[in-house]
Amino acid sequence: MPVVGEQPRMLPLPPLAAPNLTRETTAPMLDKTLSELETAIRDLLQRNQRLTARTHELEQALAAAREENDTLQLSLMEQEEAGAGTRQRVEGLLALLAAQSVEQRHAASVE
């Protein structure tokens, strides 16, 4: 039993078994890893090119949609203005008809 304040004893660790790493064993592993890395990089570059092209297409489509939206909004404002002008003319004609009808009724009642 350890005495209070005394450091516990550490058991010695067995030596680590290092694999037999030689040029003959590591070179094929390194070549395989480099080949896999090259393939992964090529794949990523191709994906990046596809995504860049798609981004460009989407940006063009967005610009066209914005332009069409601006055109449609302008057309709507023009139609609203024309509609407001037409409404004012129709209201004016209705007021004229109403006034004329009142005059005719007044003239008929005077006779």
PDB file of N, CA and C in Angstrom:
ATOM      1  N   MET A   1       0.851  -1.176   0.000  1.00  0.00           N
ATOM      2  CA  MET A   1       0.000   0.000   0.000  1.00  0.00           C
ATOM      3  C   MET A   1       0.892   1.233   0.000  1.00  0.00           C
ATOM      4  N   PRO A   2       0.558   2.218  -0.882  1.00  0.00           N
ATOM      5  CA  PRO A   2       1.409   3.413  -0.939  1.00  0.00           C
ATOM      6  C   PRO A   2       1.212   4.283   0.290  1.00  0.00           C
ATOM      7  N   VAL A   3       2.266   4.927   0.647  1.00  0.00           N
ATOM      8  CA  VAL A   3       2.254   5.847   1.776  1.00  0.00           C
ATOM      9  C   VAL A   3       1.720   7.180   1.257  1.00  0.00           C
ATOM     10  N   VAL A   4       0.992   7.903   2.133  1.00  0.00           N
ATOM     11  CA  VAL A   4       0.420   9.193   1.738  1.00  0.00           C
ATOM     12  C   VAL A   4       1.547  10.121   1.319  1.00  0.00           C
ATOM     13  N   GLY A   5       1.363  10.782   0.152  1.00  0.00           N
ATOM     14  CA  GLY A   5       2.363  11.725  -0.358  1.00  0.00           C
ATOM     15  C   GLY A   5       3.392  11.052  -1.236  1.00  0.00           C
ATOM     16  N   GLU A   6       3.414   9.744  -1.246  1.00  0.00           N
ATOM     17  CA  GLU A   6       4.385   9.022  -2.064  1.00  0.00           C
ATOM     18  C   GLU A   6       3.817   8.861  -3.481  1.00  0.00           C
ATOM     19  N   GLN A   7       4.656   9.023  -4.458  1.00  0.00           N
ATOM     20  CA  GLN A   7       4.262   8.874  -5.839  1.00  0.00           C
ATOM     21  C   GLN A   7       4.026   7.399  -6.146  1.00  0.00           C
ATOM     22  N   PRO A   8       2.914   7.110  -6.883  1.00  0.00           N
ATOM     23  CA  PRO A   8       2.689   5.709  -7.250  1.00  0.00           C
ATOM     24  C   PRO A   8       3.774   5.247  -8.220  1.00  0.00           C
ATOM     25  N   ARG A   9       4.111   3.996  -8.138  1.00  0.00           N
ATOM     26  CA  ARG A   9       5.148   3.459  -9.014  1.00  0.00           C
ATOM     27  C   ARG A   9       4.549   3.149 -10.372  1.00  0.00           C
ATOM     28  N   MET A  10       5.298   3.512 -11.404  1.00  0.00           N
ATOM     29  CA  MET A  10       4.893   3.242 -12.773  1.00  0.00           C
ATOM     30  C   MET A  10       5.523   1.937 -13.212  1.00  0.00           C
ATOM     31  N   LEU A  11       4.718   1.118 -13.829  1.00  0.00           N
ATOM     32  CA  LEU A  11       5.244  -0.125 -14.369  1.00  0.00           C
ATOM     33  C   LEU A  11       5.931   0.179 -15.687  1.00  0.00           C
ATOM     34  N   PRO A  12       7.022  -0.449 -15.965  1.00  0.00           N
ATOM     35  CA  PRO A  12       7.707  -0.183 -17.235  1.00  0.00           C
ATOM     36  C   PRO A  12       6.857  -0.667 -18.415  1.00  0.00           C
ATOM     37  N   LEU A  13       6.838   0.121 -19.479  1.00  0.00           N
ATOM     38  CA  LEU A  13       6.094  -0.221 -20.678  1.00  0.00           C
ATOM     39  C   LEU A  13       6.942  -1.109 -21.568  1.00  0.00           C
ATOM     40  N   PRO A  14       6.294  -2.037 -22.233  1.00  0.00           N
ATOM     41  CA  PRO A  14       7.084  -2.870 -23.158  1.00  0.00           C
ATOM     42  C   PRO A  14       7.508  -2.022 -24.357  1.00  0.00           C
ATOM     43  N   PRO A  15       8.594  -2.346 -24.973  1.00  0.00           N
ATOM     44  CA  PRO A  15       9.031  -1.559 -26.137  1.00  0.00           C
ATOM     45  C   PRO A  15       8.003  -1.671 -27.264  1.00  0.00           C
ATOM     46  N   LEU A  16       7.794  -0.542 -27.968  1.00  0.00           N
ATOM     47  CA  LEU A  16       6.855  -0.524 -29.090  1.00  0.00           C
ATOM     48  C   LEU A  16       7.434  -1.322 -30.237  1.00  0.00           C
ATOM     49  N   ALA A  17       6.579  -2.119 -30.802  1.00  0.00           N
ATOM     50  CA  ALA A  17       7.023  -2.916 -31.938  1.00  0.00           C
ATOM     51  C   ALA A  17       6.873  -2.064 -33.188  1.00  0.00           C
ATOM     52  N   ALA A  18       7.958  -1.623 -33.739  1.00  0.00           N
ATOM     53  CA  ALA A  18       7.940  -0.825 -34.958  1.00  0.00           C
ATOM     54  C   ALA A  18       7.929  -1.763 -36.148  1.00  0.00           C
ATOM     55  N   PRO A  19       7.021  -1.494 -37.119  1.00  0.00           N
ATOM     56  CA  PRO A  19       7.017  -2.355 -38.298  1.00  0.00           C
ATOM     57  C   PRO A  19       8.327  -2.178 -39.050  1.00  0.00           C
ATOM     58  N   ASN A  20       8.602  -3.114 -39.844  1.00  0.00           N
ATOM     59  CA  ASN A  20       9.832  -3.079 -40.616  1.00  0.00           C
ATOM     60  C   ASN A  20       9.648  -2.093 -41.768  1.00  0.00           C
ATOM     61  N   LEU A  21       9.939  -0.807 -41.521  1.00  0.00           N
ATOM     62  CA  LEU A  21       9.777   0.235 -42.527  1.00  0.00           C
ATOM     63  C   LEU A  21      11.088   0.389 -43.290  1.00  0.00           C
ATOM     64  N   THR A  22      11.036  -0.077 -44.505  1.00  0.00           N
ATOM     65  CA  THR A  22      12.209   0.075 -45.368  1.00  0.00           C
ATOM     66  C   THR A  22      11.742   0.712 -46.658  1.00  0.00           C
ATOM     67  N   ARG A  23      12.663   1.109 -47.476  1.00  0.00           N
ATOM     68  CA  ARG A  23      12.319   1.715 -48.767  1.00  0.00           C
ATOM     69  C   ARG A  23      11.483   0.746 -49.593  1.00  0.00           C
ATOM     70  N   GLU A  24      11.807  -0.534 -49.494  1.00  0.00           N
ATOM     71  CA  GLU A  24      11.095  -1.534 -50.278  1.00  0.00           C
ATOM     72  C   GLU A  24       9.634  -1.660 -49.836  1.00  0.00           C
ATOM     73  N   THR A  25       9.359  -1.459 -48.546  1.00  0.00           N
ATOM     74  CA  THR A  25       7.979  -1.602 -48.064  1.00  0.00           C
ATOM     75  C   THR A  25       7.202  -0.296 -48.156  1.00  0.00           C
ATOM     76  N   THR A  26       7.884   0.833 -48.007  1.00  0.00           N
ATOM     77  CA  THR A  26       7.164   2.119 -48.012  1.00  0.00           C
ATOM     78  C   THR A  26       6.968   2.687 -49.407  1.00  0.00           C
ATOM     79  N   ALA A  27       7.847   2.418 -50.350  1.00  0.00           N
ATOM     80  CA  ALA A  27       7.742   2.985 -51.702  1.00  0.00           C
ATOM     81  C   ALA A  27       6.435   2.587 -52.377  1.00  0.00           C
ATOM     82  N   PRO A  28       6.019   1.321 -52.376  1.00  0.00           N
ATOM     83  CA  PRO A  28       4.738   0.986 -53.018  1.00  0.00           C
ATOM     84  C   PRO A  28       3.552   1.659 -52.331  1.00  0.00           C
ATOM     85  N   MET A  29       3.588   1.769 -51.002  1.00  0.00           N
ATOM     86  CA  MET A  29       2.493   2.438 -50.284  1.00  0.00           C
ATOM     87  C   MET A  29       2.448   3.908 -50.661  1.00  0.00           C
ATOM     88  N   LEU A  30       3.615   4.533 -50.743  1.00  0.00           N
ATOM     89  CA  LEU A  30       3.691   5.946 -51.086  1.00  0.00           C
ATOM     90  C   LEU A  30       3.219   6.177 -52.517  1.00  0.00           C
ATOM     91  N   ASP A  31       3.635   5.321 -53.436  1.00  0.00           N
ATOM     92  CA  ASP A  31       3.180   5.439 -54.825  1.00  0.00           C
ATOM     93  C   ASP A  31       1.661   5.309 -54.915  1.00  0.00           C
ATOM     94  N   LYS A  32       1.094   4.353 -54.189  1.00  0.00           N
ATOM     95  CA  LYS A  32      -0.355   4.155 -54.205  1.00  0.00           C
ATOM     96  C   LYS A  32      -1.058   5.387 -53.631  1.00  0.00           C
ATOM     97  N   THR A  33      -0.541   5.917 -52.533  1.00  0.00           N
ATOM     98  CA  THR A  33      -1.139   7.089 -51.902  1.00  0.00           C
ATOM     99  C   THR A  33      -1.052   8.301 -52.827  1.00  0.00           C
ATOM    100  N   LEU A  34       0.096   8.484 -53.478  1.00  0.00           N
ATOM    101  CA  LEU A  34       0.246   9.612 -54.409  1.00  0.00           C
ATOM    102  C   LEU A  34      -0.690   9.464 -55.602  1.00  0.00           C
ATOM    103  N   SER A  35      -0.831   8.252 -56.087  1.00  0.00           N
ATOM    104  CA  SER A  35      -1.744   8.006 -57.207  1.00  0.00           C
ATOM    105  C   SER A  35      -3.180   8.324 -56.808  1.00  0.00           C
ATOM    106  N   GLU A  36      -3.577   7.901 -55.619  1.00  0.00           N
ATOM    107  CA  GLU A  36      -4.927   8.203 -55.135  1.00  0.00           C
ATOM    108  C   GLU A  36      -5.119   9.705 -54.962  1.00  0.00           C
ATOM    109  N   LEU A  37      -4.096  10.376 -54.460  1.00  0.00           N
ATOM    110  CA  LEU A  37      -4.159  11.824 -54.279  1.00  0.00           C
ATOM    111  C   LEU A  37      -4.280  12.538 -55.632  1.00  0.00           C
ATOM    112  N   GLU A  38      -3.501  12.097 -56.616  1.00  0.00           N
ATOM    113  CA  GLU A  38      -3.596  12.689 -57.957  1.00  0.00           C
ATOM    114  C   GLU A  38      -4.995  12.507 -58.526  1.00  0.00           C
ATOM    115  N   THR A  39      -5.560  11.327 -58.366  1.00  0.00           N
ATOM    116  CA  THR A  39      -6.907  11.057 -58.871  1.00  0.00           C
ATOM    117  C   THR A  39      -7.927  11.958 -58.166  1.00  0.00           C
ATOM    118  N   ALA A  40      -7.795  12.069 -56.865  1.00  0.00           N
ATOM    119  CA  ALA A  40      -8.728  12.910 -56.102  1.00  0.00           C
ATOM    120  C   ALA A  40      -8.614  14.372 -56.529  1.00  0.00           C
ATOM    121  N   ILE A  41      -7.409  14.843 -56.759  1.00  0.00           N
ATOM    122  CA  ILE A  41      -7.206  16.236 -57.177  1.00  0.00           C
ATOM    123  C   ILE A  41      -7.797  16.463 -58.564  1.00  0.00           C
ATOM    124  N   ARG A  42      -7.561  15.507 -59.500  1.00  0.00           N
ATOM    125  CA  ARG A  42      -8.146  15.634 -60.836  1.00  0.00           C
ATOM    126  C   ARG A  42      -9.671  15.679 -60.755  1.00  0.00           C
ATOM    127  N   ASP A  43     -10.240  14.794 -59.938  1.00  0.00           N
ATOM    128  CA  ASP A  43     -11.695  14.776 -59.772  1.00  0.00           C
ATOM    129  C   ASP A  43     -12.211  16.102 -59.221  1.00  0.00           C
ATOM    130  N   LEU A  44     -11.504  16.639 -58.235  1.00  0.00           N
ATOM    131  CA  LEU A  44     -11.918  17.919 -57.646  1.00  0.00           C
ATOM    132  C   LEU A  44     -11.805  19.065 -58.654  1.00  0.00           C
ATOM    133  N   LEU A  45     -10.752  19.048 -59.467  1.00  0.00           N
ATOM    134  CA  LEU A  45     -10.607  20.093 -60.483  1.00  0.00           C
ATOM    135  C   LEU A  45     -11.725  20.016 -61.517  1.00  0.00           C
ATOM    136  N   GLN A  46     -12.071  18.796 -61.940  1.00  0.00           N
ATOM    137  CA  GLN A  46     -13.178  18.644 -62.888  1.00  0.00           C
ATOM    138  C   GLN A  46     -14.490  19.099 -62.272  1.00  0.00           C
ATOM    139  N   ARG A  47     -14.706  18.744 -61.025  1.00  0.00           N
ATOM    140  CA  ARG A  47     -15.935  19.173 -60.339  1.00  0.00           C
ATOM    141  C   ARG A  47     -15.971  20.693 -60.226  1.00  0.00           C
ATOM    142  N   ASN A  48     -14.833  21.284 -59.907  1.00  0.00           N
ATOM    143  CA  ASN A  48     -14.755  22.738 -59.797  1.00  0.00           C
ATOM    144  C   ASN A  48     -15.089  23.397 -61.134  1.00  0.00           C
ATOM    145  N   GLN A  49     -14.581  22.824 -62.236  1.00  0.00           N
ATOM    146  CA  GLN A  49     -14.893  23.372 -63.563  1.00  0.00           C
ATOM    147  C   GLN A  49     -16.385  23.269 -63.857  1.00  0.00           C
ATOM    148  N   ARG A  50     -16.997  22.125 -63.527  1.00  0.00           N
ATOM    149  CA  ARG A  50     -18.436  21.966 -63.762  1.00  0.00           C
ATOM    150  C   ARG A  50     -19.228  22.955 -62.919  1.00  0.00           C
ATOM    151  N   LEU A  51     -18.842  23.113 -61.660  1.00  0.00           N
ATOM    152  CA  LEU A  51     -19.565  24.029 -60.781  1.00  0.00           C
ATOM    153  C   LEU A  51     -19.376  25.481 -61.218  1.00  0.00           C
ATOM    154  N   THR A  52     -18.188  25.812 -61.691  1.00  0.00           N
ATOM    155  CA  THR A  52     -17.934  27.170 -62.177  1.00  0.00           C
ATOM    156  C   THR A  52     -18.793  27.458 -63.407  1.00  0.00           C
ATOM    157  N   ALA A  53     -18.867  26.483 -64.323  1.00  0.00           N
ATOM    158  CA  ALA A  53     -19.706  26.663 -65.516  1.00  0.00           C
ATOM    159  C   ALA A  53     -21.172  26.791 -65.118  1.00  0.00           C
ATOM    160  N   ARG A  54     -21.624  25.963 -64.186  1.00  0.00           N
ATOM    161  CA  ARG A  54     -23.027  26.019 -63.740  1.00  0.00           C
ATOM    162  C   ARG A  54     -23.319  27.354 -63.059  1.00  0.00           C
ATOM    163  N   THR A  55     -22.381  27.831 -62.273  1.00  0.00           N
ATOM    164  CA  THR A  55     -22.546  29.129 -61.612  1.00  0.00           C
ATOM    165  C   THR A  55     -22.691  30.232 -62.655  1.00  0.00           C
ATOM    166  N   HIS A  56     -21.877  30.167 -63.692  1.00  0.00           N
ATOM    167  CA  HIS A  56     -21.955  31.168 -64.769  1.00  0.00           C
ATOM    168  C   HIS A  56     -23.324  31.107 -65.454  1.00  0.00           C
ATOM    169  N   GLU A  57     -23.799  29.888 -65.731  1.00  0.00           N
ATOM    170  CA  GLU A  57     -25.123  29.730 -66.350  1.00  0.00           C
ATOM    171  C   GLU A  57     -26.213  30.321 -65.453  1.00  0.00           C
ATOM    172  N   LEU A  58     -26.135  30.033 -64.166  1.00  0.00           N
ATOM    173  CA  LEU A  58     -27.148  30.542 -63.234  1.00  0.00           C
ATOM    174  C   LEU A  58     -27.097  32.058 -63.117  1.00  0.00           C
ATOM    175  N   GLU A  59     -25.894  32.615 -63.144  1.00  0.00           N
ATOM    176  CA  GLU A  59     -25.767  34.073 -63.088  1.00  0.00           C
ATOM    177  C   GLU A  59     -26.390  34.719 -64.319  1.00  0.00           C
ATOM    178  N   GLN A  60     -26.191  34.097 -65.490  1.00  0.00           N
ATOM    179  CA  GLN A  60     -26.799  34.624 -66.715  1.00  0.00           C
ATOM    180  C   GLN A  60     -28.319  34.512 -66.654  1.00  0.00           C
ATOM    181  N   ALA A  61     -28.815  33.383 -66.168  1.00  0.00           N
ATOM    182  CA  ALA A  61     -30.267  33.198 -66.057  1.00  0.00           C
ATOM    183  C   ALA A  61     -30.850  34.205 -65.072  1.00  0.00           C
ATOM    184  N   LEU A  62     -30.144  34.451 -63.982  1.00  0.00           N
ATOM    185  CA  LEU A  62     -30.613  35.420 -62.995  1.00  0.00           C
ATOM    186  C   LEU A  62     -30.651  36.825 -63.595  1.00  0.00           C
ATOM    187  N   ALA A  63     -29.622  37.186 -64.343  1.00  0.00           N
ATOM    188  CA  ALA A  63     -29.594  38.510 -64.978  1.00  0.00           C
ATOM    189  C   ALA A  63     -30.759  38.648 -65.968  1.00  0.00           C
ATOM    190  N   ALA A  64     -31.023  37.598 -66.741  1.00  0.00           N
ATOM    191  CA  ALA A  64     -32.139  37.638 -67.697  1.00  0.00           C
ATOM    192  C   ALA A  64     -33.473  37.744 -66.963  1.00  0.00           C
ATOM    193  N   ALA A  65     -33.621  37.009 -65.863  1.00  0.00           N
ATOM    194  CA  ALA A  65     -34.869  37.055 -65.094  1.00  0.00           C
ATOM    195  C   ALA A  65     -35.065  38.441 -64.474  1.00  0.00           C
ATOM    196  N   ARG A  66     -33.995  39.031 -63.990  1.00  0.00           N
ATOM    197  CA  ARG A  66     -34.100  40.380 -63.423  1.00  0.00           C
ATOM    198  C   ARG A  66     -34.498  41.392 -64.493  1.00  0.00           C
ATOM    199  N   GLU A  67     -33.908  41.259 -65.669  1.00  0.00           N
ATOM    200  CA  GLU A  67     -34.243  42.173 -66.760  1.00  0.00           C
ATOM    201  C   GLU A  67     -35.710  42.007 -67.163  1.00  0.00           C
ATOM    202  N   GLU A  68     -36.158  40.747 -67.253  1.00  0.00           N
ATOM    203  CA  GLU A  68     -37.564  40.502 -67.595  1.00  0.00           C
ATOM    204  C   GLU A  68     -38.486  41.056 -66.510  1.00  0.00           C
ATOM    205  N   ASN A  69     -38.087  40.901 -65.256  1.00  0.00           N
ATOM    206  CA  ASN A  69     -38.883  41.425 -64.141  1.00  0.00           C
ATOM    207  C   ASN A  69     -38.988  42.951 -64.228  1.00  0.00           C
ATOM    208  N   ASP A  70     -37.866  43.613 -64.517  1.00  0.00           N
ATOM    209  CA  ASP A  70     -37.891  45.068 -64.663  1.00  0.00           C
ATOM    210  C   ASP A  70     -38.820  45.490 -65.801  1.00  0.00           C
ATOM    211  N   THR A  71     -38.744  44.770 -66.927  1.00  0.00           N
ATOM    212  CA  THR A  71     -39.598  45.076 -68.073  1.00  0.00           C
ATOM    213  C   THR A  71     -41.070  44.901 -67.717  1.00  0.00           C
ATOM    214  N   LEU A  72     -41.381  43.802 -67.030  1.00  0.00           N
ATOM    215  CA  LEU A  72     -42.768  43.541 -66.644  1.00  0.00           C
ATOM    216  C   LEU A  72     -43.284  44.584 -65.652  1.00  0.00           C
ATOM    217  N   GLN A  73     -42.440  44.991 -64.723  1.00  0.00           N
ATOM    218  CA  GLN A  73     -42.859  46.014 -63.763  1.00  0.00           C
ATOM    219  C   GLN A  73     -43.120  47.343 -64.460  1.00  0.00           C
ATOM    220  N   LEU A  74     -42.266  47.695 -65.400  1.00  0.00           N
ATOM    221  CA  LEU A  74     -42.460  48.939 -66.160  1.00  0.00           C
ATOM    222  C   LEU A  74     -43.752  48.862 -66.968  1.00  0.00           C
ATOM    223  N   SER A  75     -43.988  47.726 -67.603  1.00  0.00           N
ATOM    224  CA  SER A  75     -45.216  47.537 -68.378  1.00  0.00           C
ATOM    225  C   SER A  75     -46.442  47.639 -67.477  1.00  0.00           C
ATOM    226  N   LEU A  76     -46.365  47.051 -66.299  1.00  0.00           N
ATOM    227  CA  LEU A  76     -47.482  47.120 -65.352  1.00  0.00           C
ATOM    228  C   LEU A  76     -47.756  48.558 -64.931  1.00  0.00           C
ATOM    229  N   MET A  77     -46.701  49.315 -64.648  1.00  0.00           N
ATOM    230  CA  MET A  77     -46.889  50.719 -64.264  1.00  0.00           C
ATOM    231  C   MET A  77     -47.526  51.508 -65.403  1.00  0.00           C
ATOM    232  N   GLU A  78     -47.097  51.238 -66.639  1.00  0.00           N
ATOM    233  CA  GLU A  78     -47.689  51.930 -67.789  1.00  0.00           C
ATOM    234  C   GLU A  78     -49.165  51.570 -67.942  1.00  0.00           C
ATOM    235  N   GLN A  79     -49.474  50.284 -67.740  1.00  0.00           N
ATOM    236  CA  GLN A  79     -50.870  49.850 -67.832  1.00  0.00           C
ATOM    237  C   GLN A  79     -51.713  50.470 -66.719  1.00  0.00           C
ATOM    238  N   GLU A  80     -51.146  50.570 -65.516  1.00  0.00           N
ATOM    239  CA  GLU A  80     -51.872  51.197 -64.410  1.00  0.00           C
ATOM    240  C   GLU A  80     -52.144  52.664 -64.707  1.00  0.00           C
ATOM    241  N   GLU A  81     -51.140  53.358 -65.267  1.00  0.00           N
ATOM    242  CA  GLU A  81     -51.336  54.763 -65.627  1.00  0.00           C
ATOM    243  C   GLU A  81     -52.411  54.904 -66.703  1.00  0.00           C
ATOM    244  N   ALA A  82     -52.338  54.034 -67.711  1.00  0.00           N
ATOM    245  CA  ALA A  82     -53.341  54.087 -68.779  1.00  0.00           C
ATOM    246  C   ALA A  82     -54.721  53.764 -68.216  1.00  0.00           C
ATOM    247  N   GLY A  83     -54.778  52.788 -67.321  1.00  0.00           N
ATOM    248  CA  GLY A  83     -56.052  52.426 -66.696  1.00  0.00           C
ATOM    249  C   GLY A  83     -56.607  53.564 -65.862  1.00  0.00           C
ATOM    250  N   ALA A  84     -55.730  54.257 -65.161  1.00  0.00           N
ATOM    251  CA  ALA A  84     -56.181  55.384 -64.344  1.00  0.00           C
ATOM    252  C   ALA A  84     -56.719  56.503 -65.240  1.00  0.00           C
ATOM    253  N   GLY A  85     -56.033  56.747 -66.349  1.00  0.00           N
ATOM    254  CA  GLY A  85     -56.506  57.769 -67.294  1.00  0.00           C
ATOM    255  C   GLY A  85     -57.849  57.390 -67.896  1.00  0.00           C
ATOM    256  N   THR A  86     -57.980  56.127 -68.261  1.00  0.00           N
ATOM    257  CA  THR A  86     -59.252  55.655 -68.824  1.00  0.00           C
ATOM    258  C   THR A  86     -60.361  55.770 -67.788  1.00  0.00           C
ATOM    259  N   ARG A  87     -60.058  55.401 -66.556  1.00  0.00           N
ATOM    260  CA  ARG A  87     -61.061  55.487 -65.484  1.00  0.00           C
ATOM    261  C   ARG A  87     -61.523  56.923 -65.292  1.00  0.00           C
ATOM    262  N   GLN A  88     -60.580  57.870 -65.305  1.00  0.00           N
ATOM    263  CA  GLN A  88     -60.943  59.282 -65.142  1.00  0.00           C
ATOM    264  C   GLN A  88     -61.847  59.739 -66.292  1.00  0.00           C
ATOM    265  N   ARG A  89     -61.534  59.313 -67.518  1.00  0.00           N
ATOM    266  CA  ARG A  89     -62.362  59.707 -68.667  1.00  0.00           C
ATOM    267  C   ARG A  89     -63.760  59.123 -68.547  1.00  0.00           C
ATOM    268  N   VAL A  90     -63.851  57.836 -68.138  1.00  0.00           N
ATOM    269  CA  VAL A  90     -65.162  57.201 -67.997  1.00  0.00           C
ATOM    270  C   VAL A  90     -65.949  57.880 -66.880  1.00  0.00           C
ATOM    271  N   GLU A  91     -65.282  58.178 -65.766  1.00  0.00           N
ATOM    272  CA  GLU A  91     -65.974  58.866 -64.671  1.00  0.00           C
ATOM    273  C   GLU A  91     -66.458  60.245 -65.117  1.00  0.00           C
ATOM    274  N   GLY A  92     -65.655  60.922 -65.924  1.00  0.00           N
ATOM    275  CA  GLY A  92     -66.059  62.226 -66.461  1.00  0.00           C
ATOM    276  C   GLY A  92     -67.287  62.106 -67.356  1.00  0.00           C
ATOM    277  N   LEU A  93     -67.273  61.078 -68.202  1.00  0.00           N
ATOM    278  CA  LEU A  93     -68.433  60.854 -69.079  1.00  0.00           C
ATOM    279  C   LEU A  93     -69.670  60.498 -68.271  1.00  0.00           C
ATOM    280  N   LEU A  94     -69.522  59.680 -67.238  1.00  0.00           N
ATOM    281  CA  LEU A  94     -70.657  59.333 -66.381  1.00  0.00           C
ATOM    282  C   LEU A  94     -71.202  60.562 -65.665  1.00  0.00           C
ATOM    283  N   ALA A  95     -70.297  61.420 -65.216  1.00  0.00           N
ATOM    284  CA  ALA A  95     -70.738  62.651 -64.559  1.00  0.00           C
ATOM    285  C   ALA A  95     -71.476  63.537 -65.554  1.00  0.00           C
ATOM    286  N   LEU A  96     -70.965  63.592 -66.769  1.00  0.00           N
ATOM    287  CA  LEU A  96     -71.628  64.384 -67.806  1.00  0.00           C
ATOM    288  C   LEU A  96     -73.020  63.832 -68.106  1.00  0.00           C
ATOM    289  N   LEU A  97     -73.122  62.507 -68.217  1.00  0.00           N
ATOM    290  CA  LEU A  97     -74.422  61.874 -68.448  1.00  0.00           C
ATOM    291  C   LEU A  97     -75.378  62.124 -67.282  1.00  0.00           C
ATOM    292  N   ALA A  98     -74.854  62.034 -66.081  1.00  0.00           N
ATOM    293  CA  ALA A  98     -75.695  62.272 -64.902  1.00  0.00           C
ATOM    294  C   ALA A  98     -76.192  63.709 -64.898  1.00  0.00           C
ATOM    295  N   ALA A  99     -75.305  64.638 -65.215  1.00  0.00           N
ATOM    296  CA  ALA A  99     -75.707  66.058 -65.246  1.00  0.00           C
ATOM    297  C   ALA A  99     -76.735  66.295 -66.344  1.00  0.00           C
ATOM    298  N   GLN A 100     -76.504  65.672 -67.489  1.00  0.00           N
ATOM    299  CA  GLN A 100     -77.446  65.846 -68.604  1.00  0.00           C
ATOM    300  C   GLN A 100     -78.799  65.229 -68.262  1.00  0.00           C
ATOM    301  N   SER A 101     -78.779  64.101 -67.584  1.00  0.00           N
ATOM    302  CA  SER A 101     -80.029  63.455 -67.179  1.00  0.00           C
ATOM    303  C   SER A 101     -80.790  64.334 -66.200  1.00  0.00           C
ATOM    304  N   VAL A 102     -80.077  64.953 -65.277  1.00  0.00           N
ATOM    305  CA  VAL A 102     -80.714  65.850 -64.313  1.00  0.00           C
ATOM    306  C   VAL A 102     -81.320  67.029 -65.054  1.00  0.00           C
ATOM    307  N   GLU A 103     -80.598  67.580 -66.028  1.00  0.00           N
ATOM    308  CA  GLU A 103     -81.098  68.722 -66.798  1.00  0.00           C
ATOM    309  C   GLU A 103     -82.354  68.333 -67.581  1.00  0.00           C
ATOM    310  N   GLN A 104     -82.334  67.135 -68.155  1.00  0.00           N
ATOM    311  CA  GLN A 104     -83.495  66.693 -68.928  1.00  0.00           C
ATOM    312  C   GLN A 104     -84.702  66.506 -68.008  1.00  0.00           C
ATOM    313  N   ARG A 105     -84.474  65.936 -66.838  1.00  0.00           N
ATOM    314  CA  ARG A 105     -85.599  65.755 -65.904  1.00  0.00           C
ATOM    315  C   ARG A 105     -86.106  67.126 -65.445  1.00  0.00           C
ATOM    316  N   HIS A 106     -85.194  68.038 -65.221  1.00  0.00           N
ATOM    317  CA  HIS A 106     -85.587  69.376 -64.781  1.00  0.00           C
ATOM    318  C   HIS A 106     -86.387  70.077 -65.887  1.00  0.00           C
ATOM    319  N   ALA A 107     -85.915  69.943 -67.126  1.00  0.00           N
ATOM    320  CA  ALA A 107     -86.609  70.573 -68.255  1.00  0.00           C
ATOM    321  C   ALA A 107     -87.985  69.943 -68.453  1.00  0.00           C
ATOM    322  N   ALA A 108     -88.063  68.648 -68.256  1.00  0.00           N
ATOM    323  CA  ALA A 108     -89.341  67.956 -68.419  1.00  0.00           C
ATOM    324  C   ALA A 108     -90.308  68.352 -67.315  1.00  0.00           C
ATOM    325  N   SER A 109     -89.807  68.584 -66.137  1.00  0.00           N
ATOM    326  CA  SER A 109     -90.697  68.956 -65.033  1.00  0.00           C
ATOM    327  C   SER A 109     -91.160  70.400 -65.167  1.00  0.00           C
ATOM    328  N   VAL A 110     -90.401  71.258 -65.832  1.00  0.00           N
ATOM    329  CA  VAL A 110     -90.744  72.664 -66.017  1.00  0.00           C
ATOM    330  C   VAL A 110     -91.835  72.755 -67.098  1.00  0.00           C
ATOM    331  N   GLU A 111     -91.847  71.936 -68.019  1.00  0.00           N
ATOM    332  CA  GLU A 111     -92.802  71.996 -69.126  1.00  0.00           C
ATOM    333  C   GLU A 111     -94.135  71.621 -68.689  1.00  0.00           C
TER     334      GLU A 111
END
